[in-house]
């Protein structure tokens, strides 16, 4: 469940920091009852960036396969086996 706090709660920076670290997800900040900002711990931010980089790599691979640029797994295994002298 997302955590939502009013903007006035940002005055207590220690409390907000503890909240961001304890919920381990972005915290939504509202102003006059409407979404205004999102804050999070650096740990959550780094995790989100890492996950996004994986998603981007998978999508790039899918596009390459759709464009006929990809290499199938069997070809990769054969090539590696020949290059390094072992059988996969």
PDB file of N, CA and C in Angstrom:
ATOM      1  N   UNK A   1       0.852  -1.178   0.000  1.00  0.00           N
ATOM      2  CA  UNK A   1       0.000   0.000   0.000  1.00  0.00           C
ATOM      3  C   UNK A   1       0.898   1.241   0.000  1.00  0.00           C
ATOM      4  N   UNK A   2       0.680   2.173  -0.924  1.00  0.00           N
ATOM      5  CA  UNK A   2       1.535   3.367  -0.961  1.00  0.00           C
ATOM      6  C   UNK A   2       1.348   4.238   0.273  1.00  0.00           C
ATOM      7  N   UNK A   3       2.423   4.874   0.674  1.00  0.00           N
ATOM      8  CA  UNK A   3       2.394   5.791   1.812  1.00  0.00           C
ATOM      9  C   UNK A   3       2.209   7.198   1.266  1.00  0.00           C
ATOM     10  N   UNK A   4       1.264   7.924   1.831  1.00  0.00           N
ATOM     11  CA  UNK A   4       0.944   9.281   1.394  1.00  0.00           C
ATOM     12  C   UNK A   4       1.020  10.205   2.601  1.00  0.00           C
ATOM     13  N   UNK A   5       1.740  11.314   2.446  1.00  0.00           N
ATOM     14  CA  UNK A   5       1.861  12.286   3.538  1.00  0.00           C
ATOM     15  C   UNK A   5       1.590  13.686   2.993  1.00  0.00           C
ATOM     16  N   UNK A   6       1.033  14.563   3.812  1.00  0.00           N
ATOM     17  CA  UNK A   6       0.847  15.953   3.385  1.00  0.00           C
ATOM     18  C   UNK A   6       2.183  16.703   3.394  1.00  0.00           C
ATOM     19  N   UNK A   7       2.297  17.713   2.570  1.00  0.00           N
ATOM     20  CA  UNK A   7       3.541  18.460   2.428  1.00  0.00           C
ATOM     21  C   UNK A   7       4.000  19.085   3.743  1.00  0.00           C
ATOM     22  N   UNK A   8       3.066  19.426   4.622  1.00  0.00           N
ATOM     23  CA  UNK A   8       3.452  20.040   5.901  1.00  0.00           C
ATOM     24  C   UNK A   8       4.284  19.092   6.756  1.00  0.00           C
ATOM     25  N   UNK A   9       4.144  17.775   6.530  1.00  0.00           N
ATOM     26  CA  UNK A   9       4.935  16.798   7.289  1.00  0.00           C
ATOM     27  C   UNK A   9       6.416  16.837   6.930  1.00  0.00           C
ATOM     28  N   UNK A  10       6.771  17.475   5.835  1.00  0.00           N
ATOM     29  CA  UNK A  10       8.173  17.553   5.437  1.00  0.00           C
ATOM     30  C   UNK A  10       8.998  18.424   6.384  1.00  0.00           C
ATOM     31  N   UNK A  11       8.329  19.173   7.238  1.00  0.00           N
ATOM     32  CA  UNK A  11       9.046  20.007   8.209  1.00  0.00           C
ATOM     33  C   UNK A  11       9.879  19.165   9.169  1.00  0.00           C
ATOM     34  N   UNK A  12       9.368  17.984   9.485  1.00  0.00           N
ATOM     35  CA  UNK A  12      10.077  17.078  10.397  1.00  0.00           C
ATOM     36  C   UNK A  12      10.932  16.137   9.550  1.00  0.00           C
ATOM     37  N   UNK A  13      12.124  16.602   9.188  1.00  0.00           N
ATOM     38  CA  UNK A  13      12.966  15.853   8.248  1.00  0.00           C
ATOM     39  C   UNK A  13      13.401  14.491   8.782  1.00  0.00           C
ATOM     40  N   UNK A  14      13.662  14.406  10.075  1.00  0.00           N
ATOM     41  CA  UNK A  14      14.054  13.108  10.643  1.00  0.00           C
ATOM     42  C   UNK A  14      12.922  12.096  10.530  1.00  0.00           C
ATOM     43  N   UNK A  15      11.716  12.530  10.795  1.00  0.00           N
ATOM     44  CA  UNK A  15      10.558  11.636  10.711  1.00  0.00           C
ATOM     45  C   UNK A  15      10.350  11.168   9.267  1.00  0.00           C
ATOM     46  N   UNK A  16      10.478  12.079   8.321  1.00  0.00           N
ATOM     47  CA  UNK A  16      10.299  11.724   6.911  1.00  0.00           C
ATOM     48  C   UNK A  16      11.395  10.764   6.464  1.00  0.00           C
ATOM     49  N   UNK A  17      12.639  11.019   6.891  1.00  0.00           N
ATOM     50  CA  UNK A  17      13.743  10.134   6.541  1.00  0.00           C
ATOM     51  C   UNK A  17      13.491   8.727   7.081  1.00  0.00           C
ATOM     52  N   UNK A  18      13.084   8.639   8.330  1.00  0.00           N
ATOM     53  CA  UNK A  18      12.776   7.333   8.928  1.00  0.00           C
ATOM     54  C   UNK A  18      11.645   6.640   8.176  1.00  0.00           C
ATOM     55  N   UNK A  19      10.631   7.400   7.785  1.00  0.00           N
ATOM     56  CA  UNK A  19       9.505   6.834   7.043  1.00  0.00           C
ATOM     57  C   UNK A  19       9.978   6.269   5.708  1.00  0.00           C
ATOM     58  N   UNK A  20      10.763   7.055   4.972  1.00  0.00           N
ATOM     59  CA  UNK A  20      11.255   6.605   3.666  1.00  0.00           C
ATOM     60  C   UNK A  20      12.085   5.331   3.785  1.00  0.00           C
ATOM     61  N   UNK A  21      12.892   5.228   4.829  1.00  0.00           N
ATOM     62  CA  UNK A  21      13.722   4.039   5.010  1.00  0.00           C
ATOM     63  C   UNK A  21      12.908   2.849   5.526  1.00  0.00           C
ATOM     64  N   UNK A  22      11.865   3.107   6.272  1.00  0.00           N
ATOM     65  CA  UNK A  22      11.094   1.996   6.841  1.00  0.00           C
ATOM     66  C   UNK A  22      10.116   1.380   5.842  1.00  0.00           C
ATOM     67  N   UNK A  23       9.516   2.194   4.973  1.00  0.00           N
ATOM     68  CA  UNK A  23       8.520   1.642   4.047  1.00  0.00           C
ATOM     69  C   UNK A  23       9.157   1.007   2.821  1.00  0.00           C
ATOM     70  N   UNK A  24      10.423   1.349   2.534  1.00  0.00           N
ATOM     71  CA  UNK A  24      11.170   0.764   1.418  1.00  0.00           C
ATOM     72  C   UNK A  24      10.427   0.874   0.089  1.00  0.00           C
ATOM     73  N   UNK A  25       9.765   2.001  -0.090  1.00  0.00           N
ATOM     74  CA  UNK A  25       9.091   2.315  -1.347  1.00  0.00           C
ATOM     75  C   UNK A  25       8.934   3.831  -1.424  1.00  0.00           C
ATOM     76  N   UNK A  26       8.607   4.365  -2.582  1.00  0.00           N
ATOM     77  CA  UNK A  26       8.413   5.812  -2.676  1.00  0.00           C
ATOM     78  C   UNK A  26       7.286   6.288  -1.763  1.00  0.00           C
ATOM     79  N   UNK A  27       7.444   7.497  -1.239  1.00  0.00           N
ATOM     80  CA  UNK A  27       6.430   8.129  -0.393  1.00  0.00           C
ATOM     81  C   UNK A  27       5.840   9.286  -1.198  1.00  0.00           C
ATOM     82  N   UNK A  28       4.536   9.293  -1.340  1.00  0.00           N
ATOM     83  CA  UNK A  28       3.849  10.324  -2.106  1.00  0.00           C
ATOM     84  C   UNK A  28       3.503  11.502  -1.209  1.00  0.00           C
ATOM     85  N   UNK A  29       3.844  12.693  -1.655  1.00  0.00           N
ATOM     86  CA  UNK A  29       3.602  13.915  -0.889  1.00  0.00           C
ATOM     87  C   UNK A  29       2.489  14.688  -1.591  1.00  0.00           C
ATOM     88  N   UNK A  30       1.483  15.077  -0.800  1.00  0.00           N
ATOM     89  CA  UNK A  30       0.363  15.826  -1.362  1.00  0.00           C
ATOM     90  C   UNK A  30       0.410  17.287  -0.933  1.00  0.00           C
ATOM     91  N   UNK A  31      -0.139  18.131  -1.782  1.00  0.00           N
ATOM     92  CA  UNK A  31      -0.270  19.552  -1.484  1.00  0.00           C
ATOM     93  C   UNK A  31      -1.708  19.937  -1.799  1.00  0.00           C
ATOM     94  N   UNK A  32      -2.392  20.444  -0.783  1.00  0.00           N
ATOM     95  CA  UNK A  32      -3.812  20.780  -0.919  1.00  0.00           C
ATOM     96  C   UNK A  32      -4.639  19.595  -1.417  1.00  0.00           C
ATOM     97  N   UNK A  33      -4.249  18.395  -0.981  1.00  0.00           N
ATOM     98  CA  UNK A  33      -5.000  17.190  -1.322  1.00  0.00           C
ATOM     99  C   UNK A  33      -4.668  16.568  -2.665  1.00  0.00           C
ATOM    100  N   UNK A  34      -3.730  17.138  -3.395  1.00  0.00           N
ATOM    101  CA  UNK A  34      -3.362  16.629  -4.712  1.00  0.00           C
ATOM    102  C   UNK A  34      -1.904  16.169  -4.730  1.00  0.00           C
ATOM    103  N   UNK A  35      -1.614  15.193  -5.584  1.00  0.00           N
ATOM    104  CA  UNK A  35      -0.231  14.738  -5.727  1.00  0.00           C
ATOM    105  C   UNK A  35       0.673  15.910  -6.062  1.00  0.00           C
ATOM    106  N   UNK A  36       1.836  15.965  -5.398  1.00  0.00           N
ATOM    107  CA  UNK A  36       2.775  17.046  -5.658  1.00  0.00           C
ATOM    108  C   UNK A  36       4.187  16.525  -5.891  1.00  0.00           C
ATOM    109  N   UNK A  37       4.653  15.603  -5.043  1.00  0.00           N
ATOM    110  CA  UNK A  37       6.015  15.091  -5.141  1.00  0.00           C
ATOM    111  C   UNK A  37       6.059  13.634  -4.717  1.00  0.00           C
ATOM    112  N   UNK A  38       7.182  13.010  -5.031  1.00  0.00           N
ATOM    113  CA  UNK A  38       7.462  11.656  -4.567  1.00  0.00           C
ATOM    114  C   UNK A  38       8.877  11.675  -4.002  1.00  0.00           C
ATOM    115  N   UNK A  39       9.052  11.130  -2.805  1.00  0.00           N
ATOM    116  CA  UNK A  39      10.382  11.046  -2.201  1.00  0.00           C
ATOM    117  C   UNK A  39      10.650   9.602  -1.815  1.00  0.00           C
ATOM    118  N   UNK A  40      11.943   9.265  -1.752  1.00  0.00           N
ATOM    119  CA  UNK A  40      12.311   7.897  -1.409  1.00  0.00           C
ATOM    120  C   UNK A  40      13.734   7.874  -0.881  1.00  0.00           C
ATOM    121  N   UNK A  41      14.075   6.780  -0.241  1.00  0.00           N
ATOM    122  CA  UNK A  41      15.448   6.603   0.236  1.00  0.00           C
ATOM    123  C   UNK A  41      16.347   6.340  -0.965  1.00  0.00           C
ATOM    124  N   UNK A  42      17.633   6.576  -0.796  1.00  0.00           N
ATOM    125  CA  UNK A  42      18.569   6.311  -1.884  1.00  0.00           C
ATOM    126  C   UNK A  42      18.630   4.818  -2.200  1.00  0.00           C
ATOM    127  N   UNK A  43      18.397   3.983  -1.206  1.00  0.00           N
ATOM    128  CA  UNK A  43      18.368   2.533  -1.423  1.00  0.00           C
ATOM    129  C   UNK A  43      17.238   2.158  -2.384  1.00  0.00           C
ATOM    130  N   UNK A  44      16.064   2.714  -2.178  1.00  0.00           N
ATOM    131  CA  UNK A  44      14.923   2.445  -3.060  1.00  0.00           C
ATOM    132  C   UNK A  44      15.200   2.993  -4.453  1.00  0.00           C
ATOM    133  N   UNK A  45      15.764   4.189  -4.517  1.00  0.00           N
ATOM    134  CA  UNK A  45      16.081   4.811  -5.802  1.00  0.00           C
ATOM    135  C   UNK A  45      17.073   3.951  -6.587  1.00  0.00           C
ATOM    136  N   UNK A  46      18.149   3.509  -5.944  1.00  0.00           N
ATOM    137  CA  UNK A  46      19.146   2.665  -6.610  1.00  0.00           C
ATOM    138  C   UNK A  46      18.522   1.365  -7.102  1.00  0.00           C
ATOM    139  N   UNK A  47      17.650   0.783  -6.295  1.00  0.00           N
ATOM    140  CA  UNK A  47      16.972  -0.452  -6.666  1.00  0.00           C
ATOM    141  C   UNK A  47      16.086  -0.240  -7.888  1.00  0.00           C
ATOM    142  N   UNK A  48      15.381   0.869  -7.918  1.00  0.00           N
ATOM    143  CA  UNK A  48      14.522   1.179  -9.067  1.00  0.00           C
ATOM    144  C   UNK A  48      15.351   1.377 -10.332  1.00  0.00           C
ATOM    145  N   UNK A  49      16.476   2.072 -10.223  1.00  0.00           N
ATOM    146  CA  UNK A  49      17.350   2.274 -11.383  1.00  0.00           C
ATOM    147  C   UNK A  49      17.895   0.941 -11.888  1.00  0.00           C
ATOM    148  N   UNK A  50      18.287   0.068 -10.978  1.00  0.00           N
ATOM    149  CA  UNK A  50      18.816  -1.237 -11.356  1.00  0.00           C
ATOM    150  C   UNK A  50      17.760  -2.057 -12.086  1.00  0.00           C
ATOM    151  N   UNK A  51      16.549  -2.117 -11.523  1.00  0.00           N
ATOM    152  CA  UNK A  51      15.468  -2.859 -12.175  1.00  0.00           C
ATOM    153  C   UNK A  51      15.166  -2.286 -13.553  1.00  0.00           C
ATOM    154  N   UNK A  52      15.162  -0.955 -13.656  1.00  0.00           N
ATOM    155  CA  UNK A  52      14.869  -0.330 -14.940  1.00  0.00           C
ATOM    156  C   UNK A  52      15.948  -0.645 -15.967  1.00  0.00           C
ATOM    157  N   UNK A  53      17.208  -0.714 -15.532  1.00  0.00           N
ATOM    158  CA  UNK A  53      18.285  -1.046 -16.476  1.00  0.00           C
ATOM    159  C   UNK A  53      18.113  -2.460 -17.018  1.00  0.00           C
ATOM    160  N   UNK A  54      17.652  -3.380 -16.178  1.00  0.00           N
ATOM    161  CA  UNK A  54      17.401  -4.753 -16.631  1.00  0.00           C
ATOM    162  C   UNK A  54      16.252  -4.770 -17.624  1.00  0.00           C
ATOM    163  N   UNK A  55      15.180  -4.076 -17.304  1.00  0.00           N
ATOM    164  CA  UNK A  55      14.024  -4.014 -18.205  1.00  0.00           C
ATOM    165  C   UNK A  55      14.438  -3.423 -19.550  1.00  0.00           C
ATOM    166  N   UNK A  56      15.226  -2.349 -19.518  1.00  0.00           N
ATOM    167  CA  UNK A  56      15.686  -1.717 -20.763  1.00  0.00           C
ATOM    168  C   UNK A  56      16.509  -2.691 -21.602  1.00  0.00           C
ATOM    169  N   UNK A  57      17.387  -3.459 -20.953  1.00  0.00           N
ATOM    170  CA  UNK A  57      18.226  -4.418 -21.677  1.00  0.00           C
ATOM    171  C   UNK A  57      17.376  -5.518 -22.316  1.00  0.00           C
ATOM    172  N   UNK A  58      16.390  -6.008 -21.589  1.00  0.00           N
ATOM    173  CA  UNK A  58      15.506  -7.045 -22.123  1.00  0.00           C
ATOM    174  C   UNK A  58      14.706  -6.500 -23.308  1.00  0.00           C
ATOM    175  N   UNK A  59      14.182  -5.290 -23.174  1.00  0.00           N
ATOM    176  CA  UNK A  59      13.421  -4.691 -24.272  1.00  0.00           C
ATOM    177  C   UNK A  59      14.301  -4.449 -25.490  1.00  0.00           C
ATOM    178  N   UNK A  60      15.538  -4.013 -25.268  1.00  0.00           N
ATOM    179  CA  UNK A  60      16.474  -3.815 -26.379  1.00  0.00           C
ATOM    180  C   UNK A  60      16.727  -5.136 -27.101  1.00  0.00           C
ATOM    181  N   UNK A  61      16.886  -6.213 -26.337  1.00  0.00           N
ATOM    182  CA  UNK A  61      17.077  -7.530 -26.929  1.00  0.00           C
ATOM    183  C   UNK A  61      15.866  -7.966 -27.730  1.00  0.00           C
ATOM    184  N   UNK A  62      14.677  -7.691 -27.215  1.00  0.00           N
ATOM    185  CA  UNK A  62      13.451  -8.055 -27.924  1.00  0.00           C
ATOM    186  C   UNK A  62      13.348  -7.311 -29.249  1.00  0.00           C
ATOM    187  N   UNK A  63      13.719  -6.041 -29.242  1.00  0.00           N
ATOM    188  CA  UNK A  63      13.700  -5.243 -30.479  1.00  0.00           C
ATOM    189  C   UNK A  63      14.710  -5.808 -31.473  1.00  0.00           C
ATOM    190  N   UNK A  64      15.903  -6.170 -30.989  1.00  0.00           N
ATOM    191  CA  UNK A  64      16.919  -6.748 -31.861  1.00  0.00           C
ATOM    192  C   UNK A  64      16.434  -8.052 -32.479  1.00  0.00           C
ATOM    193  N   UNK A  65      15.784  -8.879 -31.691  1.00  0.00           N
ATOM    194  CA  UNK A  65      15.254 -10.136 -32.213  1.00  0.00           C
ATOM    195  C   UNK A  65      14.182  -9.863 -33.255  1.00  0.00           C
ATOM    196  N   UNK A  66      13.283  -8.907 -32.974  1.00  0.00           N
ATOM    197  CA  UNK A  66      12.235  -8.550 -33.936  1.00  0.00           C
ATOM    198  C   UNK A  66      12.821  -8.039 -35.250  1.00  0.00           C
ATOM    199  N   UNK A  67      13.981  -7.393 -35.176  1.00  0.00           N
ATOM    200  CA  UNK A  67      14.640  -6.852 -36.371  1.00  0.00           C
ATOM    201  C   UNK A  67      15.577  -7.869 -37.026  1.00  0.00           C
ATOM    202  N   UNK A  68      15.585  -9.085 -36.518  1.00  0.00           N
ATOM    203  CA  UNK A  68      16.432 -10.124 -37.081  1.00  0.00           C
ATOM    204  C   UNK A  68      17.900  -9.963 -36.729  1.00  0.00           C
ATOM    205  N   UNK A  69      18.207  -9.189 -35.702  1.00  0.00           N
ATOM    206  CA  UNK A  69      19.591  -8.924 -35.312  1.00  0.00           C
ATOM    207  C   UNK A  69      20.076  -9.839 -34.201  1.00  0.00           C
ATOM    208  N   UNK A  70      19.201 -10.576 -33.604  1.00  0.00           N
ATOM    209  CA  UNK A  70      19.579 -11.395 -32.458  1.00  0.00           C
ATOM    210  C   UNK A  70      20.291 -12.670 -32.862  1.00  0.00           C
ATOM    211  N   UNK A  71      20.922 -13.312 -31.897  1.00  0.00           N
ATOM    212  CA  UNK A  71      21.582 -14.596 -32.101  1.00  0.00           C
ATOM    213  C   UNK A  71      20.915 -15.593 -31.171  1.00  0.00           C
ATOM    214  N   UNK A  72      20.528 -16.750 -31.716  1.00  0.00           N
ATOM    215  CA  UNK A  72      19.854 -17.737 -30.875  1.00  0.00           C
ATOM    216  C   UNK A  72      20.839 -18.373 -29.899  1.00  0.00           C
ATOM    217  N   UNK A  73      20.316 -18.936 -28.849  1.00  0.00           N
ATOM    218  CA  UNK A  73      21.118 -19.497 -27.769  1.00  0.00           C
ATOM    219  C   UNK A  73      22.034 -20.612 -28.213  1.00  0.00           C
ATOM    220  N   UNK A  74      21.569 -21.468 -29.098  1.00  0.00           N
ATOM    221  CA  UNK A  74      22.400 -22.585 -29.573  1.00  0.00           C
ATOM    222  C   UNK A  74      23.621 -22.074 -30.319  1.00  0.00           C
ATOM    223  N   UNK A  75      23.466 -21.034 -31.103  1.00  0.00           N
ATOM    224  CA  UNK A  75      24.602 -20.460 -31.837  1.00  0.00           C
ATOM    225  C   UNK A  75      25.615 -19.857 -30.878  1.00  0.00           C
ATOM    226  N   UNK A  76      25.127 -19.206 -29.842  1.00  0.00           N
ATOM    227  CA  UNK A  76      26.021 -18.607 -28.844  1.00  0.00           C
ATOM    228  C   UNK A  76      26.807 -19.705 -28.130  1.00  0.00           C
ATOM    229  N   UNK A  77      26.123 -20.763 -27.712  1.00  0.00           N
ATOM    230  CA  UNK A  77      26.796 -21.866 -27.025  1.00  0.00           C
ATOM    231  C   UNK A  77      27.858 -22.497 -27.921  1.00  0.00           C
ATOM    232  N   UNK A  78      27.528 -22.723 -29.190  1.00  0.00           N
ATOM    233  CA  UNK A  78      28.481 -23.329 -30.123  1.00  0.00           C
ATOM    234  C   UNK A  78      29.694 -22.420 -30.300  1.00  0.00           C
ATOM    235  N   UNK A  79      29.454 -21.128 -30.478  1.00  0.00           N
ATOM    236  CA  UNK A  79      30.540 -20.172 -30.671  1.00  0.00           C
ATOM    237  C   UNK A  79      31.456 -20.110 -29.453  1.00  0.00           C
ATOM    238  N   UNK A  80      30.874 -20.065 -28.258  1.00  0.00           N
ATOM    239  CA  UNK A  80      31.669 -20.028 -27.035  1.00  0.00           C
ATOM    240  C   UNK A  80      32.469 -21.311 -26.862  1.00  0.00           C
ATOM    241  N   UNK A  81      31.829 -22.434 -27.163  1.00  0.00           N
ATOM    242  CA  UNK A  81      32.516 -23.725 -27.068  1.00  0.00           C
ATOM    243  C   UNK A  81      33.706 -23.798 -27.991  1.00  0.00           C
ATOM    244  N   UNK A  82      33.547 -23.314 -29.213  1.00  0.00           N
ATOM    245  CA  UNK A  82      34.659 -23.302 -30.156  1.00  0.00           C
ATOM    246  C   UNK A  82      35.751 -22.352 -29.721  1.00  0.00           C
ATOM    247  N   UNK A  83      35.384 -21.202 -29.242  1.00  0.00           N
ATOM    248  CA  UNK A  83      36.356 -20.198 -28.848  1.00  0.00           C
ATOM    249  C   UNK A  83      37.173 -20.635 -27.635  1.00  0.00           C
ATOM    250  N   UNK A  84      36.511 -21.225 -26.646  1.00  0.00           N
ATOM    251  CA  UNK A  84      37.189 -21.571 -25.395  1.00  0.00           C
ATOM    252  C   UNK A  84      37.476 -23.057 -25.246  1.00  0.00           C
ATOM    253  N   UNK A  85      37.149 -23.846 -26.268  1.00  0.00           N
ATOM    254  CA  UNK A  85      37.502 -25.261 -26.262  1.00  0.00           C
ATOM    255  C   UNK A  85      36.747 -26.120 -25.282  1.00  0.00           C
ATOM    256  N   UNK A  86      35.470 -25.867 -25.095  1.00  0.00           N
ATOM    257  CA  UNK A  86      34.662 -26.731 -24.241  1.00  0.00           C
ATOM    258  C   UNK A  86      33.271 -26.859 -24.843  1.00  0.00           C
ATOM    259  N   UNK A  87      32.537 -27.790 -24.296  1.00  0.00           N
ATOM    260  CA  UNK A  87      31.196 -28.058 -24.816  1.00  0.00           C
ATOM    261  C   UNK A  87      30.158 -27.679 -23.754  1.00  0.00           C
ATOM    262  N   UNK A  88      29.183 -26.904 -24.165  1.00  0.00           N
ATOM    263  CA  UNK A  88      28.112 -26.488 -23.237  1.00  0.00           C
ATOM    264  C   UNK A  88      26.889 -27.350 -23.418  1.00  0.00           C
TER     265      UNK A  88
END
